[in-house]
Amino acid sequence: MSARVVVVAAAGVADPIATGLRAAGLDVRGCAEDVHQLPEHADVVVLDLAVAGPDPDGAEGVHPVETLLDAAPSSTVLAVGESVEHVPVLAALRAGASGFVRRDCGWTELAEAVTRVAAGEVVFGPGVADLVLDSYGTAAADPVSLTERELDIVRLVVDGLTARQIAVRLVLSPRTVENHVHRIVRKLGLAGRAALVRYAIENGLA
């Protein structure tokens, strides 16, 4: 069954995104211009970060991603933006987004990103991982000890690789990679892959 998708963006932006995703075969249920007015429950909310305004960490202190996840905790948020800028990207990830891609990345790539976050993966478009990791390059070391193999896997997860791609890179089976990821998540006391990516970024693990 295809994931149910809702697009949250200004009307002139939301409609083309919805049309493109439908053309790519996704089940787009509707659009909204405000995070408080979703038309219905969605498995994935594609959120244009322009709705966050120029200062997503400003005085109000509640990011649109947080608002969405508070209202629909079972949904997953894929953030999109006009450009890769560290302030809005980091703010969205801290707030709980499962990935970020440029709005103009192309419908096939955007549809693939939606499908992957719906499956529980974390997705970064080109250049996003490097930008985010550079921002946290001097972060504090991880207080939990990970093996070199575990660190290698964490780095590749942060880079947005799938279990199958990581398996090819490290000459392992995809099942072994998934087992490693599950053990790492449990070891760090995290909720899942998206939380692992945020943790790795904020602690300079990757």
C-alpha atoms as a PDB file:
ATOM      1  CA  MET A   1       0.000   0.000   0.000  1.00  0.00           C
ATOM      2  CA  SER A   2       1.389   3.365  -1.030  1.00  0.00           C
ATOM      3  CA  ALA A   3       2.220   5.904   1.655  1.00  0.00           C
ATOM      4  CA  ARG A   4      -0.302   8.699   2.046  1.00  0.00           C
ATOM      5  CA  VAL A   5       1.331  12.053   1.344  1.00  0.00           C
ATOM      6  CA  VAL A   6       0.302  15.611   2.193  1.00  0.00           C
ATOM      7  CA  VAL A   7       2.198  18.682   0.964  1.00  0.00           C
ATOM      8  CA  VAL A   8       2.470  21.740   3.216  1.00  0.00           C
ATOM      9  CA  ALA A   9       3.622  24.830   1.330  1.00  0.00           C
ATOM     10  CA  ALA A  10       2.370  28.075  -0.156  1.00  0.00           C
ATOM     11  CA  ALA A  11      -0.272  27.421  -2.810  1.00  0.00           C
ATOM     12  CA  GLY A  12       1.982  28.319  -5.717  1.00  0.00           C
ATOM     13  CA  VAL A  13       4.572  25.842  -4.438  1.00  0.00           C
ATOM     14  CA  ALA A  14       2.373  23.071  -3.053  1.00  0.00           C
ATOM     15  CA  ASP A  15       0.325  22.470  -6.200  1.00  0.00           C
ATOM     16  CA  PRO A  16       3.296  21.772  -8.516  1.00  0.00           C
ATOM     17  CA  ILE A  17       4.891  19.498  -5.886  1.00  0.00           C
ATOM     18  CA  ALA A  18       1.644  17.563  -5.459  1.00  0.00           C
ATOM     19  CA  THR A  19       1.201  17.257  -9.227  1.00  0.00           C
ATOM     20  CA  GLY A  20       4.776  16.049  -9.692  1.00  0.00           C
ATOM     21  CA  LEU A  21       4.522  13.470  -6.916  1.00  0.00           C
ATOM     22  CA  ARG A  22       1.223  12.169  -8.276  1.00  0.00           C
ATOM     23  CA  ALA A  23       2.818  11.870 -11.706  1.00  0.00           C
ATOM     24  CA  ALA A  24       5.583   9.826 -10.051  1.00  0.00           C
ATOM     25  CA  GLY A  25       2.937   7.427  -8.738  1.00  0.00           C
ATOM     26  CA  LEU A  26       2.566   8.586  -5.144  1.00  0.00           C
ATOM     27  CA  ASP A  27      -0.716   8.819  -3.250  1.00  0.00           C
ATOM     28  CA  VAL A  28      -0.956  12.561  -2.577  1.00  0.00           C
ATOM     29  CA  ARG A  29      -4.056  13.196  -0.470  1.00  0.00           C
ATOM     30  CA  GLY A  30      -3.980  16.971  -0.495  1.00  0.00           C
ATOM     31  CA  CYS A  31      -2.184  20.225   0.227  1.00  0.00           C
ATOM     32  CA  ALA A  32      -2.192  22.777   3.021  1.00  0.00           C
ATOM     33  CA  GLU A  33      -0.680  26.224   3.388  1.00  0.00           C
ATOM     34  CA  ASP A  34      -0.492  25.994   7.178  1.00  0.00           C
ATOM     35  CA  VAL A  35       0.840  23.262   9.465  1.00  0.00           C
ATOM     36  CA  HIS A  36      -2.269  23.633  11.618  1.00  0.00           C
ATOM     37  CA  GLN A  37      -4.626  22.798   8.755  1.00  0.00           C
ATOM     38  CA  LEU A  38      -3.665  19.402   7.356  1.00  0.00           C
ATOM     39  CA  PRO A  39      -6.480  18.030   5.168  1.00  0.00           C
ATOM     40  CA  GLU A  40      -6.145  14.542   6.678  1.00  0.00           C
ATOM     41  CA  HIS A  41      -3.728  12.136   8.306  1.00  0.00           C
ATOM     42  CA  ALA A  42      -0.593  11.488   6.256  1.00  0.00           C
ATOM     43  CA  ASP A  43       2.182   8.926   6.460  1.00  0.00           C
ATOM     44  CA  VAL A  44       4.576  11.519   5.032  1.00  0.00           C
ATOM     45  CA  VAL A  45       4.260  15.289   5.176  1.00  0.00           C
ATOM     46  CA  VAL A  46       6.380  17.114   2.597  1.00  0.00           C
ATOM     47  CA  LEU A  47       7.044  20.437   4.310  1.00  0.00           C
ATOM     48  CA  ASP A  48       8.431  23.465   2.497  1.00  0.00           C
ATOM     49  CA  LEU A  49      10.673  25.210   5.035  1.00  0.00           C
ATOM     50  CA  ALA A  50       9.558  28.577   3.674  1.00  0.00           C
ATOM     51  CA  VAL A  51       6.523  28.195   5.954  1.00  0.00           C
ATOM     52  CA  ALA A  52       8.932  28.403   8.911  1.00  0.00           C
ATOM     53  CA  GLY A  53       9.737  32.011   8.061  1.00  0.00           C
ATOM     54  CA  PRO A  54      13.179  33.635   8.037  1.00  0.00           C
ATOM     55  CA  ASP A  55      14.000  32.731  11.663  1.00  0.00           C
ATOM     56  CA  PRO A  56      12.937  29.160  12.502  1.00  0.00           C
ATOM     57  CA  ASP A  57      14.708  29.360  15.874  1.00  0.00           C
ATOM     58  CA  GLY A  58      13.078  32.654  16.751  1.00  0.00           C
ATOM     59  CA  ALA A  59      11.097  33.914  19.709  1.00  0.00           C
ATOM     60  CA  GLU A  60       8.102  31.608  19.385  1.00  0.00           C
ATOM     61  CA  GLY A  61      10.401  28.625  19.779  1.00  0.00           C
ATOM     62  CA  VAL A  62       8.154  26.052  18.053  1.00  0.00           C
ATOM     63  CA  HIS A  63       9.303  24.836  14.669  1.00  0.00           C
ATOM     64  CA  PRO A  64       6.626  23.819  12.107  1.00  0.00           C
ATOM     65  CA  VAL A  65       8.085  20.293  12.105  1.00  0.00           C
ATOM     66  CA  GLU A  66       7.421  20.040  15.849  1.00  0.00           C
ATOM     67  CA  THR A  67       3.887  21.347  15.334  1.00  0.00           C
ATOM     68  CA  LEU A  68       3.239  18.712  12.678  1.00  0.00           C
ATOM     69  CA  LEU A  69       4.638  15.855  14.737  1.00  0.00           C
ATOM     70  CA  ASP A  70       2.730  16.958  17.838  1.00  0.00           C
ATOM     71  CA  ALA A  71      -0.510  16.902  15.838  1.00  0.00           C
ATOM     72  CA  ALA A  72       0.299  13.684  13.947  1.00  0.00           C
ATOM     73  CA  PRO A  73       3.007  11.751  15.845  1.00  0.00           C
ATOM     74  CA  SER A  74       2.767   8.751  13.516  1.00  0.00           C
ATOM     75  CA  SER A  75       3.623  10.884  10.484  1.00  0.00           C
ATOM     76  CA  THR A  76       7.084  11.385   9.041  1.00  0.00           C
ATOM     77  CA  VAL A  77       8.293  14.775   7.814  1.00  0.00           C
ATOM     78  CA  LEU A  78      10.435  15.342   4.734  1.00  0.00           C
ATOM     79  CA  ALA A  79      11.620  18.951   4.604  1.00  0.00           C
ATOM     80  CA  VAL A  80      12.243  20.698   1.291  1.00  0.00           C
ATOM     81  CA  GLY A  81      13.775  24.083   0.631  1.00  0.00           C
ATOM     82  CA  GLU A  82      14.919  26.363  -2.114  1.00  0.00           C
ATOM     83  CA  SER A  83      18.574  26.068  -1.127  1.00  0.00           C
ATOM     84  CA  VAL A  84      20.855  24.189   1.250  1.00  0.00           C
ATOM     85  CA  GLU A  85      21.409  26.584   4.154  1.00  0.00           C
ATOM     86  CA  HIS A  86      22.622  25.268   7.479  1.00  0.00           C
ATOM     87  CA  VAL A  87      20.289  27.262   9.771  1.00  0.00           C
ATOM     88  CA  PRO A  88      16.936  26.053   8.389  1.00  0.00           C
ATOM     89  CA  VAL A  89      18.243  22.552   7.641  1.00  0.00           C
ATOM     90  CA  LEU A  90      19.622  22.048  11.152  1.00  0.00           C
ATOM     91  CA  ALA A  91      16.508  23.534  12.716  1.00  0.00           C
ATOM     92  CA  ALA A  92      14.299  21.116  10.779  1.00  0.00           C
ATOM     93  CA  LEU A  93      16.416  18.098  11.730  1.00  0.00           C
ATOM     94  CA  ARG A  94      16.515  19.083  15.399  1.00  0.00           C
ATOM     95  CA  ALA A  95      12.740  19.459  15.318  1.00  0.00           C
ATOM     96  CA  GLY A  96      12.313  15.900  14.055  1.00  0.00           C
ATOM     97  CA  ALA A  97      12.403  15.933  10.249  1.00  0.00           C
ATOM     98  CA  SER A  98      13.602  12.684   8.697  1.00  0.00           C
ATOM     99  CA  GLY A  99      15.388  14.337   5.817  1.00  0.00           C
ATOM    100  CA  PHE A 100      15.930  17.356   3.617  1.00  0.00           C
ATOM    101  CA  VAL A 101      16.121  17.748  -0.156  1.00  0.00           C
ATOM    102  CA  ARG A 102      16.138  20.768  -2.409  1.00  0.00           C
ATOM    103  CA  ARG A 103      12.728  21.679  -3.751  1.00  0.00           C
ATOM    104  CA  ASP A 104      14.050  21.681  -7.336  1.00  0.00           C
ATOM    105  CA  CYS A 105      15.712  18.258  -7.136  1.00  0.00           C
ATOM    106  CA  GLY A 106      13.362  16.699  -9.699  1.00  0.00           C
ATOM    107  CA  TRP A 107      10.157  14.715  -9.241  1.00  0.00           C
ATOM    108  CA  THR A 108      11.770  11.292  -9.444  1.00  0.00           C
ATOM    109  CA  GLU A 109      14.330  12.135  -6.774  1.00  0.00           C
ATOM    110  CA  LEU A 110      11.712  13.799  -4.568  1.00  0.00           C
ATOM    111  CA  ALA A 111       9.354  10.816  -4.930  1.00  0.00           C
ATOM    112  CA  GLU A 112      12.201   8.450  -4.015  1.00  0.00           C
ATOM    113  CA  ALA A 113      12.974  10.581  -0.938  1.00  0.00           C
ATOM    114  CA  VAL A 114       9.317  10.446   0.147  1.00  0.00           C
ATOM    115  CA  THR A 115       9.246   6.666  -0.321  1.00  0.00           C
ATOM    116  CA  ARG A 116      12.443   6.210   1.671  1.00  0.00           C
ATOM    117  CA  VAL A 117      11.385   8.319   4.662  1.00  0.00           C
ATOM    118  CA  ALA A 118       8.045   6.482   4.639  1.00  0.00           C
ATOM    119  CA  ALA A 119      10.076   3.278   5.024  1.00  0.00           C
ATOM    120  CA  GLY A 120      11.902   4.683   8.052  1.00  0.00           C
ATOM    121  CA  GLU A 121      15.083   5.830   6.341  1.00  0.00           C
ATOM    122  CA  VAL A 122      16.804   9.197   6.650  1.00  0.00           C
ATOM    123  CA  VAL A 123      17.340  11.081   3.400  1.00  0.00           C
ATOM    124  CA  PHE A 124      19.752  13.914   2.663  1.00  0.00           C
ATOM    125  CA  GLY A 125      19.974  15.497  -0.761  1.00  0.00           C
ATOM    126  CA  PRO A 126      23.380  16.218  -2.354  1.00  0.00           C
ATOM    127  CA  GLY A 127      25.508  18.535  -0.244  1.00  0.00           C
ATOM    128  CA  VAL A 128      23.269  18.421   2.808  1.00  0.00           C
ATOM    129  CA  ALA A 129      25.221  15.832   4.785  1.00  0.00           C
ATOM    130  CA  ASP A 130      28.516  17.669   4.247  1.00  0.00           C
ATOM    131  CA  LEU A 131      26.977  20.989   5.245  1.00  0.00           C
ATOM    132  CA  VAL A 132      25.423  19.606   8.408  1.00  0.00           C
ATOM    133  CA  LEU A 133      28.481  17.638   9.450  1.00  0.00           C
ATOM    134  CA  ASP A 134      30.757  20.634   8.871  1.00  0.00           C
ATOM    135  CA  SER A 135      28.537  22.619  11.225  1.00  0.00           C
ATOM    136  CA  TYR A 136      29.144  20.065  13.971  1.00  0.00           C
ATOM    137  CA  GLY A 137      32.707  19.152  13.187  1.00  0.00           C
ATOM    138  CA  THR A 138      33.924  20.169  16.635  1.00  0.00           C
ATOM    139  CA  ALA A 139      31.044  18.716  18.626  1.00  0.00           C
ATOM    140  CA  ALA A 140      31.673  16.804  21.814  1.00  0.00           C
ATOM    141  CA  ALA A 141      32.733  13.192  21.536  1.00  0.00           C
ATOM    142  CA  ASP A 142      30.119  10.491  21.955  1.00  0.00           C
ATOM    143  CA  PRO A 143      29.946   9.339  25.597  1.00  0.00           C
ATOM    144  CA  VAL A 144      28.947   5.826  24.455  1.00  0.00           C
ATOM    145  CA  SER A 145      31.743   3.758  22.948  1.00  0.00           C
ATOM    146  CA  LEU A 146      31.118   2.511  19.422  1.00  0.00           C
ATOM    147  CA  THR A 147      33.360   0.130  17.497  1.00  0.00           C
ATOM    148  CA  GLU A 148      35.125   1.248  14.337  1.00  0.00           C
ATOM    149  CA  ARG A 149      32.692  -0.839  12.259  1.00  0.00           C
ATOM    150  CA  GLU A 150      29.736   0.775  14.043  1.00  0.00           C
ATOM    151  CA  LEU A 151      31.192   4.232  13.421  1.00  0.00           C
ATOM    152  CA  ASP A 152      31.660   3.393   9.744  1.00  0.00           C
ATOM    153  CA  ILE A 153      28.008   2.398   9.524  1.00  0.00           C
ATOM    154  CA  VAL A 154      26.858   5.525  11.349  1.00  0.00           C
ATOM    155  CA  ARG A 155      28.815   7.713   8.918  1.00  0.00           C
ATOM    156  CA  LEU A 156      27.217   6.014   5.929  1.00  0.00           C
ATOM    157  CA  VAL A 157      23.739   6.252   7.449  1.00  0.00           C
ATOM    158  CA  VAL A 158      24.295   9.994   7.932  1.00  0.00           C
ATOM    159  CA  ASP A 159      25.402  10.214   4.294  1.00  0.00           C
ATOM    160  CA  GLY A 160      21.965   8.885   3.371  1.00  0.00           C
ATOM    161  CA  LEU A 161      22.973   5.438   2.095  1.00  0.00           C
ATOM    162  CA  THR A 162      20.465   2.583   2.254  1.00  0.00           C
ATOM    163  CA  ALA A 163      21.259  -0.689   4.035  1.00  0.00           C
ATOM    164  CA  ARG A 164      21.911  -2.320   0.659  1.00  0.00           C
ATOM    165  CA  GLN A 165      24.311   0.455  -0.403  1.00  0.00           C
ATOM    166  CA  ILE A 166      26.135   0.277   2.937  1.00  0.00           C
ATOM    167  CA  ALA A 167      26.390  -3.497   2.550  1.00  0.00           C
ATOM    168  CA  VAL A 168      28.067  -3.109  -0.840  1.00  0.00           C
ATOM    169  CA  ARG A 169      30.449  -0.450   0.511  1.00  0.00           C
ATOM    170  CA  LEU A 170      31.505  -2.510   3.551  1.00  0.00           C
ATOM    171  CA  VAL A 171      31.239  -5.977   1.921  1.00  0.00           C
ATOM    172  CA  LEU A 172      28.493  -7.133   4.268  1.00  0.00           C
ATOM    173  CA  SER A 173      24.997  -8.490   3.805  1.00  0.00           C
ATOM    174  CA  PRO A 174      22.087  -6.001   4.036  1.00  0.00           C
ATOM    175  CA  ARG A 175      20.711  -8.020   6.986  1.00  0.00           C
ATOM    176  CA  THR A 176      24.023  -7.660   8.830  1.00  0.00           C
ATOM    177  CA  VAL A 177      23.947  -3.907   8.226  1.00  0.00           C
ATOM    178  CA  GLU A 178      20.386  -3.669   9.553  1.00  0.00           C
ATOM    179  CA  ASN A 179      21.382  -5.686  12.623  1.00  0.00           C
ATOM    180  CA  HIS A 180      24.282  -3.309  13.238  1.00  0.00           C
ATOM    181  CA  VAL A 181      21.987  -0.281  12.924  1.00  0.00           C
ATOM    182  CA  HIS A 182      19.473  -1.782  15.366  1.00  0.00           C
ATOM    183  CA  ARG A 183      22.242  -2.540  17.883  1.00  0.00           C
ATOM    184  CA  ILE A 184      23.670   0.983  17.560  1.00  0.00           C
ATOM    185  CA  VAL A 185      20.242   2.536  18.060  1.00  0.00           C
ATOM    186  CA  ARG A 186      19.666   0.395  21.164  1.00  0.00           C
ATOM    187  CA  LYS A 187      23.162   1.077  22.510  1.00  0.00           C
ATOM    188  CA  LEU A 188      22.618   4.834  22.230  1.00  0.00           C
ATOM    189  CA  GLY A 189      19.081   4.650  23.607  1.00  0.00           C
ATOM    190  CA  LEU A 190      17.546   6.254  20.518  1.00  0.00           C
ATOM    191  CA  ALA A 191      14.118   5.907  18.929  1.00  0.00           C
ATOM    192  CA  GLY A 192      15.225   5.005  15.409  1.00  0.00           C
ATOM    193  CA  ARG A 193      17.290   5.836  12.345  1.00  0.00           C
ATOM    194  CA  ALA A 194      16.232   9.478  12.152  1.00  0.00           C
ATOM    195  CA  ALA A 195      17.165   9.989  15.795  1.00  0.00           C
ATOM    196  CA  LEU A 196      20.510   8.266  15.104  1.00  0.00           C
ATOM    197  CA  VAL A 197      21.312  10.744  12.344  1.00  0.00           C
ATOM    198  CA  ARG A 198      20.504  13.738  14.547  1.00  0.00           C
ATOM    199  CA  TYR A 199      22.506  12.248  17.430  1.00  0.00           C
ATOM    200  CA  ALA A 200      25.501  11.563  15.194  1.00  0.00           C
ATOM    201  CA  ILE A 201      25.441  15.089  13.808  1.00  0.00           C
ATOM    202  CA  GLU A 202      25.150  16.778  17.187  1.00  0.00           C
ATOM    203  CA  ASN A 203      27.914  14.609  18.716  1.00  0.00           C
ATOM    204  CA  GLY A 204      30.385  14.754  15.837  1.00  0.00           C
ATOM    205  CA  LEU A 205      30.277  11.012  15.186  1.00  0.00           C
ATOM    206  CA  ALA A 206      30.256  11.254  11.416  1.00  0.00           C
END
